[in-house]
Amino acid sequence: MKSLARKDANGNIHLDGLRLAGSTLPKIFGCGRLDLEWPTMMACPPCQVQDFAAQRTTCDNTGWRTVSFKQMRPCVGGMRAPPRYQET
């Protein structure tokens, strides 16, 4: 697995995408709170059955419709979307 962090020649650790959160500004002198954001898919929970919602087409001329499943919130890995199927 590829490392998410890298160390430079000075020993500083770098994370691609790491940034200041919102309107947080660092204080140059003294102490203060510093909020950082690191957007990554690894922060998303594993997919579960409740993460998918059924999407139904209109019935065709034979009375059948297709039911497929759409992911409704961010998730990674875990359960796959249920397979699409036909219903009357």
N, C-alpha and C. Protein backbone atom coordinates (compact mmCIF):
# COMPACT_ATOMS: atom_id res chain seq x y z
N MET A 1 0.83 -1.18 0.00
CA MET A 1 0.00 0.00 0.00
C MET A 1 0.88 1.25 0.00
N LYS A 2 0.51 2.24 -0.80
CA LYS A 2 1.27 3.47 -0.90
C LYS A 2 1.11 4.28 0.39
N SER A 3 2.22 4.85 0.85
CA SER A 3 2.18 5.67 2.05
C SER A 3 1.46 6.97 1.76
N LEU A 4 0.65 7.45 2.72
CA LEU A 4 -0.09 8.69 2.56
C LEU A 4 0.75 9.90 2.94
N ALA A 5 1.84 9.68 3.65
CA ALA A 5 2.70 10.76 4.10
C ALA A 5 4.11 10.56 3.54
N ARG A 6 4.82 11.66 3.40
CA ARG A 6 6.22 11.58 2.97
C ARG A 6 7.06 12.51 3.85
N LYS A 7 8.31 12.15 4.04
CA LYS A 7 9.22 12.94 4.87
C LYS A 7 10.25 13.59 3.95
N ASP A 8 10.46 14.89 4.12
CA ASP A 8 11.46 15.59 3.30
C ASP A 8 12.84 15.50 3.95
N ALA A 9 13.83 16.11 3.30
CA ALA A 9 15.22 16.04 3.77
C ALA A 9 15.41 16.67 5.14
N ASN A 10 14.52 17.60 5.53
CA ASN A 10 14.61 18.24 6.84
C ASN A 10 13.87 17.48 7.93
N GLY A 11 13.22 16.38 7.56
CA GLY A 11 12.48 15.59 8.53
C GLY A 11 11.02 16.01 8.70
N ASN A 12 10.58 16.97 7.88
CA ASN A 12 9.17 17.41 7.95
C ASN A 12 8.28 16.39 7.24
N ILE A 13 7.12 16.13 7.84
CA ILE A 13 6.15 15.20 7.26
C ILE A 13 5.17 15.99 6.39
N HIS A 14 4.88 15.48 5.20
CA HIS A 14 3.96 16.13 4.27
C HIS A 14 2.79 15.19 3.95
N LEU A 15 1.58 15.74 3.98
CA LEU A 15 0.37 15.02 3.58
C LEU A 15 -0.27 15.81 2.45
N ASP A 16 -0.37 15.22 1.26
CA ASP A 16 -1.00 15.91 0.14
C ASP A 16 -2.44 16.25 0.49
N GLY A 17 -2.82 17.49 0.22
CA GLY A 17 -4.18 17.93 0.48
C GLY A 17 -4.41 18.52 1.86
N LEU A 18 -3.44 18.42 2.76
CA LEU A 18 -3.62 18.98 4.11
C LEU A 18 -3.71 20.49 3.99
N ARG A 19 -4.72 21.08 4.65
CA ARG A 19 -4.93 22.53 4.54
C ARG A 19 -5.56 23.07 5.82
N LEU A 20 -5.53 24.39 5.93
CA LEU A 20 -6.19 25.05 7.06
C LEU A 20 -7.69 24.88 6.92
N ALA A 21 -8.37 24.62 8.02
CA ALA A 21 -9.82 24.42 8.01
C ALA A 21 -10.54 25.75 8.10
N GLY A 22 -11.53 25.93 7.25
CA GLY A 22 -12.39 27.11 7.31
C GLY A 22 -11.62 28.40 7.36
N SER A 23 -11.94 29.24 8.33
CA SER A 23 -11.31 30.56 8.44
C SER A 23 -10.21 30.57 9.50
N THR A 24 -9.70 29.41 9.86
CA THR A 24 -8.64 29.35 10.87
C THR A 24 -7.37 29.99 10.33
N LEU A 25 -6.84 30.93 11.08
CA LEU A 25 -5.56 31.54 10.71
C LEU A 25 -4.55 31.25 11.81
N PRO A 26 -3.37 30.76 11.43
CA PRO A 26 -2.37 30.46 12.46
C PRO A 26 -1.81 31.75 13.07
N LYS A 27 -1.50 31.69 14.35
CA LYS A 27 -0.85 32.82 15.02
C LYS A 27 0.65 32.68 14.81
N ILE A 28 1.27 33.75 14.39
CA ILE A 28 2.71 33.70 14.12
C ILE A 28 3.49 33.62 15.43
N PHE A 29 3.05 34.39 16.42
CA PHE A 29 3.72 34.38 17.72
C PHE A 29 2.74 33.89 18.78
N GLY A 30 3.20 33.10 19.69
CA GLY A 30 2.36 32.63 20.77
C GLY A 30 1.64 31.34 20.40
N CYS A 31 0.76 30.96 21.31
CA CYS A 31 0.02 29.72 21.13
C CYS A 31 -1.40 30.01 20.66
N GLY A 32 -2.00 29.06 20.04
CA GLY A 32 -3.37 29.20 19.59
C GLY A 32 -3.84 27.90 18.97
N ARG A 33 -5.10 27.86 18.70
CA ARG A 33 -5.69 26.67 18.10
C ARG A 33 -5.48 26.72 16.60
N LEU A 34 -5.12 25.58 16.03
CA LEU A 34 -4.93 25.47 14.60
C LEU A 34 -5.72 24.26 14.11
N ASP A 35 -6.76 24.49 13.32
CA ASP A 35 -7.58 23.40 12.79
C ASP A 35 -7.15 23.10 11.37
N LEU A 36 -6.95 21.81 11.11
CA LEU A 36 -6.53 21.36 9.78
C LEU A 36 -7.59 20.43 9.19
N GLU A 37 -7.68 20.42 7.87
CA GLU A 37 -8.54 19.48 7.16
C GLU A 37 -7.67 18.62 6.26
N TRP A 38 -8.03 17.37 6.16
CA TRP A 38 -7.35 16.47 5.25
C TRP A 38 -8.41 15.66 4.53
N PRO A 39 -8.92 16.17 3.40
CA PRO A 39 -9.97 15.43 2.70
C PRO A 39 -9.42 14.12 2.14
N THR A 40 -10.08 13.04 2.48
CA THR A 40 -9.66 11.73 2.01
C THR A 40 -10.85 10.78 2.01
N MET A 41 -10.90 9.91 1.03
CA MET A 41 -11.97 8.91 0.97
C MET A 41 -11.88 7.94 2.15
N MET A 42 -10.69 7.83 2.74
CA MET A 42 -10.51 6.90 3.84
C MET A 42 -11.30 7.33 5.08
N ALA A 43 -11.78 8.58 5.10
CA ALA A 43 -12.59 9.05 6.22
C ALA A 43 -14.04 8.59 6.10
N CYS A 44 -14.42 8.10 4.94
CA CYS A 44 -15.80 7.64 4.72
C CYS A 44 -16.00 6.26 5.35
N PRO A 45 -17.18 6.01 5.89
CA PRO A 45 -17.46 4.70 6.47
C PRO A 45 -17.64 3.65 5.38
N PRO A 46 -17.52 2.37 5.72
CA PRO A 46 -17.79 1.32 4.74
C PRO A 46 -19.28 1.34 4.35
N CYS A 47 -19.56 1.02 3.10
CA CYS A 47 -20.95 1.00 2.61
C CYS A 47 -21.76 -0.10 3.31
N GLN A 48 -23.00 0.25 3.63
CA GLN A 48 -23.94 -0.69 4.25
C GLN A 48 -25.24 -0.64 3.46
N VAL A 49 -26.13 -1.58 3.71
CA VAL A 49 -27.37 -1.68 2.96
C VAL A 49 -28.17 -0.37 2.99
N GLN A 50 -28.17 0.33 4.11
CA GLN A 50 -28.95 1.57 4.22
C GLN A 50 -28.35 2.74 3.44
N ASP A 51 -27.17 2.55 2.86
CA ASP A 51 -26.55 3.60 2.05
C ASP A 51 -27.09 3.64 0.62
N PHE A 52 -27.96 2.69 0.27
CA PHE A 52 -28.48 2.59 -1.10
C PHE A 52 -30.00 2.73 -1.09
N ALA A 53 -30.52 3.40 -2.12
CA ALA A 53 -31.97 3.56 -2.25
C ALA A 53 -32.41 3.03 -3.61
N ALA A 54 -33.57 2.38 -3.63
CA ALA A 54 -34.12 1.82 -4.86
C ALA A 54 -34.58 2.95 -5.78
N GLN A 55 -34.27 2.82 -7.06
CA GLN A 55 -34.71 3.76 -8.09
C GLN A 55 -35.51 2.93 -9.10
N ARG A 56 -36.79 3.24 -9.27
CA ARG A 56 -37.66 2.46 -10.15
C ARG A 56 -37.98 3.24 -11.42
N THR A 57 -37.90 2.55 -12.56
CA THR A 57 -38.32 3.17 -13.83
C THR A 57 -39.83 3.05 -13.94
N THR A 58 -40.40 3.71 -14.93
CA THR A 58 -41.84 3.54 -15.19
C THR A 58 -42.04 2.18 -15.86
N CYS A 59 -43.20 1.65 -15.75
CA CYS A 59 -43.51 0.34 -16.35
C CYS A 59 -43.48 0.45 -17.88
N ASP A 60 -42.94 -0.59 -18.51
CA ASP A 60 -42.95 -0.62 -19.97
C ASP A 60 -44.30 -1.16 -20.47
N ASN A 61 -44.43 -1.35 -21.77
CA ASN A 61 -45.72 -1.78 -22.34
C ASN A 61 -46.10 -3.21 -21.97
N THR A 62 -45.18 -3.96 -21.35
CA THR A 62 -45.52 -5.32 -20.91
C THR A 62 -45.81 -5.37 -19.41
N GLY A 63 -45.72 -4.21 -18.73
CA GLY A 63 -46.02 -4.15 -17.30
C GLY A 63 -44.83 -4.36 -16.39
N TRP A 64 -43.63 -4.42 -16.94
CA TRP A 64 -42.41 -4.61 -16.14
C TRP A 64 -41.69 -3.29 -15.97
N ARG A 65 -40.97 -3.15 -14.86
CA ARG A 65 -40.10 -2.00 -14.64
C ARG A 65 -38.79 -2.47 -14.05
N THR A 66 -37.76 -1.64 -14.20
CA THR A 66 -36.43 -1.97 -13.68
C THR A 66 -36.23 -1.27 -12.34
N VAL A 67 -35.67 -2.01 -11.40
CA VAL A 67 -35.31 -1.46 -10.09
C VAL A 67 -33.78 -1.52 -9.99
N SER A 68 -33.16 -0.35 -9.82
CA SER A 68 -31.72 -0.30 -9.60
C SER A 68 -31.48 0.44 -8.29
N PHE A 69 -30.26 0.45 -7.83
CA PHE A 69 -29.95 1.05 -6.53
C PHE A 69 -28.89 2.13 -6.67
N LYS A 70 -29.15 3.27 -6.05
CA LYS A 70 -28.27 4.43 -6.10
C LYS A 70 -27.67 4.66 -4.72
N GLN A 71 -26.36 4.94 -4.71
CA GLN A 71 -25.69 5.27 -3.44
C GLN A 71 -26.16 6.64 -2.99
N MET A 72 -26.62 6.75 -1.74
CA MET A 72 -27.24 7.98 -1.25
C MET A 72 -26.34 8.83 -0.35
N ARG A 73 -25.25 8.26 0.15
CA ARG A 73 -24.33 9.05 0.97
C ARG A 73 -22.92 8.50 0.79
N PRO A 74 -21.90 9.29 1.11
CA PRO A 74 -20.53 8.84 0.89
C PRO A 74 -20.19 7.60 1.72
N CYS A 75 -19.63 6.61 1.06
CA CYS A 75 -19.12 5.41 1.72
C CYS A 75 -18.10 4.78 0.78
N VAL A 76 -17.23 3.96 1.34
CA VAL A 76 -16.17 3.34 0.56
C VAL A 76 -16.08 1.87 0.92
N GLY A 77 -15.95 1.01 -0.09
CA GLY A 77 -15.80 -0.41 0.17
C GLY A 77 -17.03 -0.98 0.85
N GLY A 78 -16.85 -1.99 1.65
CA GLY A 78 -17.99 -2.60 2.34
C GLY A 78 -18.92 -3.26 1.35
N MET A 79 -20.21 -3.11 1.57
CA MET A 79 -21.23 -3.73 0.74
C MET A 79 -21.33 -3.02 -0.61
N ARG A 80 -21.54 -3.81 -1.66
CA ARG A 80 -21.80 -3.25 -2.99
C ARG A 80 -23.29 -2.98 -3.12
N ALA A 81 -23.64 -2.13 -4.08
CA ALA A 81 -25.05 -1.87 -4.33
C ALA A 81 -25.73 -3.18 -4.74
N PRO A 82 -26.95 -3.42 -4.29
CA PRO A 82 -27.66 -4.63 -4.71
C PRO A 82 -27.80 -4.64 -6.24
N PRO A 83 -27.87 -5.82 -6.83
CA PRO A 83 -28.02 -5.88 -8.30
C PRO A 83 -29.39 -5.38 -8.74
N ARG A 84 -29.44 -4.82 -9.94
CA ARG A 84 -30.74 -4.37 -10.46
C ARG A 84 -31.57 -5.58 -10.84
N TYR A 85 -32.88 -5.39 -10.84
CA TYR A 85 -33.78 -6.48 -11.21
C TYR A 85 -35.05 -5.92 -11.85
N GLN A 86 -35.84 -6.81 -12.42
CA GLN A 86 -37.11 -6.47 -13.04
C GLN A 86 -38.24 -6.87 -12.12
N GLU A 87 -39.32 -6.07 -12.10
CA GLU A 87 -40.49 -6.41 -11.31
C GLU A 87 -41.75 -5.99 -12.07
N THR A 88 -42.87 -6.59 -11.65
CA THR A 88 -44.14 -6.22 -12.26
C THR A 88 -44.94 -5.35 -11.34
